[in-house]
Amino acid sequence: MKPRARLDRARQLLDTPPPAPLAGQLAVEVPADRPPRVCGHGNPRCGAVPVRPYPCGPRCNEHQPSITHPFHRRPQ
């Protein structure tokens, strides 16, 4: 298949309308009243907001993993 034919085929697929929803298919409603994430560092927890997600849990700017772990030091 030539590149031009591929582009024409892709345009046709993008221009077709989406299929009609089937009976019983509904959009899932996600509750918007979830509490905000707080920093999970320390005992008792820091509790700062806003936080960023990290593999070790949500952390604020002061407790980012690069600062708290000695093997991940920032270059100075």
PDB file of N, CA and C in Angstrom:
ATOM      1  N   MET A   1       0.847  -1.169   0.000  1.00  0.00           N
ATOM      2  CA  MET A   1       0.000   0.000   0.000  1.00  0.00           C
ATOM      3  C   MET A   1       0.899   1.241   0.000  1.00  0.00           C
ATOM      4  N   LYS A   2       0.618   2.167  -0.861  1.00  0.00           N
ATOM      5  CA  LYS A   2       1.421   3.370  -0.986  1.00  0.00           C
ATOM      6  C   LYS A   2       1.098   4.351   0.148  1.00  0.00           C
ATOM      7  N   PRO A   3       2.051   5.225   0.475  1.00  0.00           N
ATOM      8  CA  PRO A   3       1.813   6.183   1.567  1.00  0.00           C
ATOM      9  C   PRO A   3       0.582   7.053   1.342  1.00  0.00           C
ATOM     10  N   ARG A   4       0.368   7.477   0.106  1.00  0.00           N
ATOM     11  CA  ARG A   4      -0.802   8.324  -0.164  1.00  0.00           C
ATOM     12  C   ARG A   4      -2.091   7.546   0.085  1.00  0.00           C
ATOM     13  N   ALA A   5      -2.131   6.282  -0.311  1.00  0.00           N
ATOM     14  CA  ALA A   5      -3.319   5.456  -0.093  1.00  0.00           C
ATOM     15  C   ALA A   5      -3.547   5.241   1.407  1.00  0.00           C
ATOM     16  N   ARG A   6      -2.451   5.081   2.158  1.00  0.00           N
ATOM     17  CA  ARG A   6      -2.589   4.934   3.610  1.00  0.00           C
ATOM     18  C   ARG A   6      -3.202   6.179   4.238  1.00  0.00           C
ATOM     19  N   LEU A   7      -2.723   7.354   3.804  1.00  0.00           N
ATOM     20  CA  LEU A   7      -3.265   8.599   4.337  1.00  0.00           C
ATOM     21  C   LEU A   7      -4.741   8.754   3.988  1.00  0.00           C
ATOM     22  N   ASP A   8      -5.112   8.418   2.742  1.00  0.00           N
ATOM     23  CA  ASP A   8      -6.520   8.499   2.351  1.00  0.00           C
ATOM     24  C   ASP A   8      -7.375   7.560   3.178  1.00  0.00           C
ATOM     25  N   ARG A   9      -6.874   6.363   3.430  1.00  0.00           N
ATOM     26  CA  ARG A   9      -7.614   5.385   4.251  1.00  0.00           C
ATOM     27  C   ARG A   9      -7.756   5.884   5.686  1.00  0.00           C
ATOM     28  N   ALA A  10      -6.692   6.475   6.235  1.00  0.00           N
ATOM     29  CA  ALA A  10      -6.746   7.003   7.592  1.00  0.00           C
ATOM     30  C   ALA A  10      -7.738   8.158   7.680  1.00  0.00           C
ATOM     31  N   ARG A  11      -7.761   9.017   6.652  1.00  0.00           N
ATOM     32  CA  ARG A  11      -8.716  10.130   6.648  1.00  0.00           C
ATOM     33  C   ARG A  11     -10.142   9.620   6.599  1.00  0.00           C
ATOM     34  N   GLN A  12     -10.391   8.572   5.812  1.00  0.00           N
ATOM     35  CA  GLN A  12     -11.730   7.995   5.741  1.00  0.00           C
ATOM     36  C   GLN A  12     -12.153   7.447   7.093  1.00  0.00           C
ATOM     37  N   LEU A  13     -11.231   6.754   7.774  1.00  0.00           N
ATOM     38  CA  LEU A  13     -11.565   6.191   9.082  1.00  0.00           C
ATOM     39  C   LEU A  13     -11.848   7.288  10.103  1.00  0.00           C
ATOM     40  N   LEU A  14     -11.097   8.387  10.038  1.00  0.00           N
ATOM     41  CA  LEU A  14     -11.309   9.479  10.981  1.00  0.00           C
ATOM     42  C   LEU A  14     -12.585  10.256  10.693  1.00  0.00           C
ATOM     43  N   ASP A  15     -13.010  10.287   9.430  1.00  0.00           N
ATOM     44  CA  ASP A  15     -14.211  11.031   9.063  1.00  0.00           C
ATOM     45  C   ASP A  15     -15.503  10.272   9.341  1.00  0.00           C
ATOM     46  N   THR A  16     -15.436   8.968   9.524  1.00  0.00           N
ATOM     47  CA  THR A  16     -16.656   8.206   9.784  1.00  0.00           C
ATOM     48  C   THR A  16     -17.149   8.507  11.200  1.00  0.00           C
ATOM     49  N   PRO A  17     -18.454   8.649  11.384  1.00  0.00           N
ATOM     50  CA  PRO A  17     -18.981   8.935  12.725  1.00  0.00           C
ATOM     51  C   PRO A  17     -18.814   7.721  13.642  1.00  0.00           C
ATOM     52  N   PRO A  18     -18.742   7.945  14.948  1.00  0.00           N
ATOM     53  CA  PRO A  18     -18.609   6.808  15.864  1.00  0.00           C
ATOM     54  C   PRO A  18     -19.875   5.961  15.867  1.00  0.00           C
ATOM     55  N   PRO A  19     -19.776   4.691  16.216  1.00  0.00           N
ATOM     56  CA  PRO A  19     -20.969   3.831  16.229  1.00  0.00           C
ATOM     57  C   PRO A  19     -21.938   4.269  17.328  1.00  0.00           C
ATOM     58  N   ALA A  20     -23.185   3.961  17.109  1.00  0.00           N
ATOM     59  CA  ALA A  20     -24.212   4.302  18.100  1.00  0.00           C
ATOM     60  C   ALA A  20     -23.996   3.462  19.360  1.00  0.00           C
ATOM     61  N   PRO A  21     -24.251   4.034  20.540  1.00  0.00           N
ATOM     62  CA  PRO A  21     -24.062   3.249  21.764  1.00  0.00           C
ATOM     63  C   PRO A  21     -25.074   2.106  21.844  1.00  0.00           C
ATOM     64  N   LEU A  22     -24.640   1.004  22.410  1.00  0.00           N
ATOM     65  CA  LEU A  22     -25.507  -0.153  22.575  1.00  0.00           C
ATOM     66  C   LEU A  22     -26.398   0.032  23.794  1.00  0.00           C
ATOM     67  N   ALA A  23     -27.482  -0.682  23.833  1.00  0.00           N
ATOM     68  CA  ALA A  23     -28.375  -0.617  24.982  1.00  0.00           C
ATOM     69  C   ALA A  23     -27.637  -1.119  26.215  1.00  0.00           C
ATOM     70  N   GLY A  24     -27.719  -0.382  27.299  1.00  0.00           N
ATOM     71  CA  GLY A  24     -27.057  -0.780  28.528  1.00  0.00           C
ATOM     72  C   GLY A  24     -25.696  -0.144  28.718  1.00  0.00           C
ATOM     73  N   GLN A  25     -25.180   0.532  27.698  1.00  0.00           N
ATOM     74  CA  GLN A  25     -23.895   1.203  27.842  1.00  0.00           C
ATOM     75  C   GLN A  25     -24.128   2.622  28.340  1.00  0.00           C
ATOM     76  N   LEU A  26     -23.575   2.921  29.498  1.00  0.00           N
ATOM     77  CA  LEU A  26     -23.692   4.261  30.056  1.00  0.00           C
ATOM     78  C   LEU A  26     -22.314   4.743  30.472  1.00  0.00           C
ATOM     79  N   ALA A  27     -22.157   6.030  30.480  1.00  0.00           N
ATOM     80  CA  ALA A  27     -20.903   6.597  30.967  1.00  0.00           C
ATOM     81  C   ALA A  27     -20.846   6.428  32.479  1.00  0.00           C
ATOM     82  N   VAL A  28     -19.692   6.100  32.985  1.00  0.00           N
ATOM     83  CA  VAL A  28     -19.527   5.917  34.422  1.00  0.00           C
ATOM     84  C   VAL A  28     -19.384   7.274  35.074  1.00  0.00           C
ATOM     85  N   GLU A  29     -20.155   7.512  36.114  1.00  0.00           N
ATOM     86  CA  GLU A  29     -20.074   8.771  36.835  1.00  0.00           C
ATOM     87  C   GLU A  29     -19.009   8.648  37.913  1.00  0.00           C
ATOM     88  N   VAL A  30     -18.038   9.531  37.869  1.00  0.00           N
ATOM     89  CA  VAL A  30     -16.964   9.540  38.848  1.00  0.00           C
ATOM     90  C   VAL A  30     -17.292  10.625  39.870  1.00  0.00           C
ATOM     91  N   PRO A  31     -17.349  10.281  41.139  1.00  0.00           N
ATOM     92  CA  PRO A  31     -17.675  11.314  42.123  1.00  0.00           C
ATOM     93  C   PRO A  31     -16.594  12.393  42.170  1.00  0.00           C
ATOM     94  N   ALA A  32     -17.027  13.646  42.157  1.00  0.00           N
ATOM     95  CA  ALA A  32     -16.086  14.763  42.144  1.00  0.00           C
ATOM     96  C   ALA A  32     -15.727  15.219  43.554  1.00  0.00           C
ATOM     97  N   ASP A  33     -16.351  14.661  44.555  1.00  0.00           N
ATOM     98  CA  ASP A  33     -16.125  15.130  45.922  1.00  0.00           C
ATOM     99  C   ASP A  33     -15.087  14.290  46.661  1.00  0.00           C
ATOM    100  N   ARG A  34     -14.065  13.801  45.915  1.00  0.00           N
ATOM    101  CA  ARG A  34     -12.974  13.076  46.565  1.00  0.00           C
ATOM    102  C   ARG A  34     -12.128  14.048  47.361  1.00  0.00           C
ATOM    103  N   PRO A  35     -11.647  13.646  48.512  1.00  0.00           N
ATOM    104  CA  PRO A  35     -10.770  14.553  49.258  1.00  0.00           C
ATOM    105  C   PRO A  35      -9.448  14.729  48.525  1.00  0.00           C
ATOM    106  N   PRO A  36      -8.805  15.880  48.649  1.00  0.00           N
ATOM    107  CA  PRO A  36      -7.531  16.088  47.947  1.00  0.00           C
ATOM    108  C   PRO A  36      -6.441  15.206  48.529  1.00  0.00           C
ATOM    109  N   ARG A  37      -5.473  14.843  47.699  1.00  0.00           N
ATOM    110  CA  ARG A  37      -4.339  14.048  48.174  1.00  0.00           C
ATOM    111  C   ARG A  37      -3.449  14.933  49.036  1.00  0.00           C
ATOM    112  N   VAL A  38      -2.902  14.338  50.080  1.00  0.00           N
ATOM    113  CA  VAL A  38      -2.012  15.068  50.972  1.00  0.00           C
ATOM    114  C   VAL A  38      -0.671  14.348  51.040  1.00  0.00           C
ATOM    115  N   CYS A  39       0.362  15.058  51.458  1.00  0.00           N
ATOM    116  CA  CYS A  39       1.701  14.487  51.553  1.00  0.00           C
ATOM    117  C   CYS A  39       1.704  13.379  52.600  1.00  0.00           C
ATOM    118  N   GLY A  40       2.237  12.217  52.241  1.00  0.00           N
ATOM    119  CA  GLY A  40       2.250  11.077  53.142  1.00  0.00           C
ATOM    120  C   GLY A  40       3.583  10.858  53.821  1.00  0.00           C
ATOM    121  N   HIS A  41       4.415  11.875  53.898  1.00  0.00           N
ATOM    122  CA  HIS A  41       5.747  11.727  54.481  1.00  0.00           C
ATOM    123  C   HIS A  41       5.685  11.871  55.996  1.00  0.00           C
ATOM    124  N   GLY A  42       6.397  11.021  56.697  1.00  0.00           N
ATOM    125  CA  GLY A  42       6.561  11.155  58.135  1.00  0.00           C
ATOM    126  C   GLY A  42       5.479  10.485  58.959  1.00  0.00           C
ATOM    127  N   ASN A  43       5.699  10.507  60.279  1.00  0.00           N
ATOM    128  CA  ASN A  43       4.733   9.974  61.231  1.00  0.00           C
ATOM    129  C   ASN A  43       4.721  10.915  62.430  1.00  0.00           C
ATOM    130  N   PRO A  44       3.784  11.804  62.591  1.00  0.00           N
ATOM    131  CA  PRO A  44       2.546  11.969  61.824  1.00  0.00           C
ATOM    132  C   PRO A  44       2.817  12.527  60.430  1.00  0.00           C
ATOM    133  N   ARG A  45       1.857  12.335  59.570  1.00  0.00           N
ATOM    134  CA  ARG A  45       2.034  12.738  58.180  1.00  0.00           C
ATOM    135  C   ARG A  45       2.143  14.245  58.049  1.00  0.00           C
ATOM    136  N   CYS A  46       2.859  14.667  57.007  1.00  0.00           N
ATOM    137  CA  CYS A  46       3.061  16.086  56.711  1.00  0.00           C
ATOM    138  C   CYS A  46       1.713  16.746  56.421  1.00  0.00           C
ATOM    139  N   GLY A  47       0.925  16.157  55.530  1.00  0.00           N
ATOM    140  CA  GLY A  47      -0.417  16.660  55.237  1.00  0.00           C
ATOM    141  C   GLY A  47      -0.459  17.875  54.332  1.00  0.00           C
ATOM    142  N   ALA A  48       0.641  18.239  53.686  1.00  0.00           N
ATOM    143  CA  ALA A  48       0.664  19.416  52.826  1.00  0.00           C
ATOM    144  C   ALA A  48      -0.098  19.163  51.532  1.00  0.00           C
ATOM    145  N   VAL A  49      -0.669  20.211  50.982  1.00  0.00           N
ATOM    146  CA  VAL A  49      -1.372  20.182  49.704  1.00  0.00           C
ATOM    147  C   VAL A  49      -0.846  21.357  48.909  1.00  0.00           C
ATOM    148  N   PRO A  50      -0.562  21.323  47.651  1.00  0.00           N
ATOM    149  CA  PRO A  50      -0.702  20.257  46.662  1.00  0.00           C
ATOM    150  C   PRO A  50       0.471  19.289  46.699  1.00  0.00           C
ATOM    151  N   VAL A  51       0.246  18.121  46.147  1.00  0.00           N
ATOM    152  CA  VAL A  51       1.268  17.076  46.115  1.00  0.00           C
ATOM    153  C   VAL A  51       1.410  16.535  44.699  1.00  0.00           C
ATOM    154  N   ARG A  52       2.508  15.802  44.470  1.00  0.00           N
ATOM    155  CA  ARG A  52       2.742  15.115  43.199  1.00  0.00           C
ATOM    156  C   ARG A  52       2.788  13.615  43.475  1.00  0.00           C
ATOM    157  N   PRO A  53       2.301  12.807  42.519  1.00  0.00           N
ATOM    158  CA  PRO A  53       2.361  11.352  42.725  1.00  0.00           C
ATOM    159  C   PRO A  53       3.759  10.807  42.480  1.00  0.00           C
ATOM    160  N   TYR A  54       4.233   9.958  43.372  1.00  0.00           N
ATOM    161  CA  TYR A  54       5.514   9.264  43.241  1.00  0.00           C
ATOM    162  C   TYR A  54       5.271   7.794  43.568  1.00  0.00           C
ATOM    163  N   PRO A  55       6.169   6.888  43.152  1.00  0.00           N
ATOM    164  CA  PRO A  55       5.987   5.469  43.493  1.00  0.00           C
ATOM    165  C   PRO A  55       5.917   5.222  45.001  1.00  0.00           C
ATOM    166  N   CYS A  56       6.545   6.073  45.782  1.00  0.00           N
ATOM    167  CA  CYS A  56       6.524   5.896  47.235  1.00  0.00           C
ATOM    168  C   CYS A  56       5.315   6.576  47.872  1.00  0.00           C
ATOM    169  N   GLY A  57       4.445   7.174  47.079  1.00  0.00           N
ATOM    170  CA  GLY A  57       3.256   7.839  47.594  1.00  0.00           C
ATOM    171  C   GLY A  57       3.273   9.317  47.264  1.00  0.00           C
ATOM    172  N   PRO A  58       2.167  10.014  47.531  1.00  0.00           N
ATOM    173  CA  PRO A  58       2.118  11.442  47.231  1.00  0.00           C
ATOM    174  C   PRO A  58       3.068  12.226  48.130  1.00  0.00           C
ATOM    175  N   ARG A  59       3.814  13.160  47.526  1.00  0.00           N
ATOM    176  CA  ARG A  59       4.779  13.963  48.275  1.00  0.00           C
ATOM    177  C   ARG A  59       4.662  15.437  47.896  1.00  0.00           C
ATOM    178  N   CYS A  60       4.901  16.322  48.873  1.00  0.00           N
ATOM    179  CA  CYS A  60       4.915  17.758  48.617  1.00  0.00           C
ATOM    180  C   CYS A  60       6.295  18.156  48.091  1.00  0.00           C
ATOM    181  N   ASN A  61       6.483  19.446  47.808  1.00  0.00           N
ATOM    182  CA  ASN A  61       7.761  19.907  47.261  1.00  0.00           C
ATOM    183  C   ASN A  61       8.904  19.703  48.241  1.00  0.00           C
ATOM    184  N   GLU A  62       8.660  19.822  49.523  1.00  0.00           N
ATOM    185  CA  GLU A  62       9.722  19.654  50.514  1.00  0.00           C
ATOM    186  C   GLU A  62      10.160  18.200  50.664  1.00  0.00           C
ATOM    187  N   HIS A  63       9.273  17.253  50.398  1.00  0.00           N
ATOM    188  CA  HIS A  63       9.569  15.841  50.646  1.00  0.00           C
ATOM    189  C   HIS A  63       9.639  15.018  49.366  1.00  0.00           C
ATOM    190  N   GLN A  64      10.100  15.601  48.273  1.00  0.00           N
ATOM    191  CA  GLN A  64      10.265  14.841  47.041  1.00  0.00           C
ATOM    192  C   GLN A  64      11.311  13.757  47.262  1.00  0.00           C
ATOM    193  N   PRO A  65      11.169  12.621  46.600  1.00  0.00           N
ATOM    194  CA  PRO A  65      12.134  11.536  46.800  1.00  0.00           C
ATOM    195  C   PRO A  65      13.578  11.948  46.523  1.00  0.00           C
ATOM    196  N   SER A  66      13.830  12.855  45.609  1.00  0.00           N
ATOM    197  CA  SER A  66      15.204  13.250  45.310  1.00  0.00           C
ATOM    198  C   SER A  66      15.844  13.989  46.481  1.00  0.00           C
ATOM    199  N   ILE A  67      15.050  14.553  47.363  1.00  0.00           N
ATOM    200  CA  ILE A  67      15.576  15.264  48.524  1.00  0.00           C
ATOM    201  C   ILE A  67      15.673  14.324  49.731  1.00  0.00           C
ATOM    202  N   THR A  68      14.717  13.420  49.884  1.00  0.00           N
ATOM    203  CA  THR A  68      14.659  12.595  51.091  1.00  0.00           C
ATOM    204  C   THR A  68      15.583  11.394  51.049  1.00  0.00           C
ATOM    205  N   HIS A  69      15.934  10.909  49.859  1.00  0.00           N
ATOM    206  CA  HIS A  69      16.802   9.736  49.775  1.00  0.00           C
ATOM    207  C   HIS A  69      18.244  10.159  49.490  1.00  0.00           C
ATOM    208  N   PRO A  70      19.216   9.710  50.255  1.00  0.00           N
ATOM    209  CA  PRO A  70      20.593  10.149  50.050  1.00  0.00           C
ATOM    210  C   PRO A  70      21.191   9.684  48.730  1.00  0.00           C
ATOM    211  N   PHE A  71      20.703   8.580  48.140  1.00  0.00           N
ATOM    212  CA  PHE A  71      21.270   8.101  46.893  1.00  0.00           C
ATOM    213  C   PHE A  71      20.698   8.818  45.683  1.00  0.00           C
ATOM    214  N   HIS A  72      19.769   9.729  45.866  1.00  0.00           N
ATOM    215  CA  HIS A  72      19.213  10.528  44.785  1.00  0.00           C
ATOM    216  C   HIS A  72      19.468  12.010  45.066  1.00  0.00           C
ATOM    217  N   ARG A  73      20.687  12.395  45.250  1.00  0.00           N
ATOM    218  CA  ARG A  73      20.992  13.789  45.574  1.00  0.00           C
ATOM    219  C   ARG A  73      20.983  14.647  44.340  1.00  0.00           C
ATOM    220  N   ARG A  74      20.555  15.877  44.521  1.00  0.00           N
ATOM    221  CA  ARG A  74      20.583  16.841  43.436  1.00  0.00           C
ATOM    222  C   ARG A  74      22.004  17.329  43.228  1.00  0.00           C
ATOM    223  N   PRO A  75      22.381  17.577  41.986  1.00  0.00           N
ATOM    224  CA  PRO A  75      23.708  18.178  41.771  1.00  0.00           C
ATOM    225  C   PRO A  75      23.696  19.623  42.270  1.00  0.00           C
ATOM    226  N   GLN A  76      24.773  20.046  42.918  1.00  0.00           N
ATOM    227  CA  GLN A  76      24.808  21.404  43.470  1.00  0.00           C
ATOM    228  C   GLN A  76      25.806  22.266  42.760  1.00  0.00           C
TER     229      GLN A  76
END
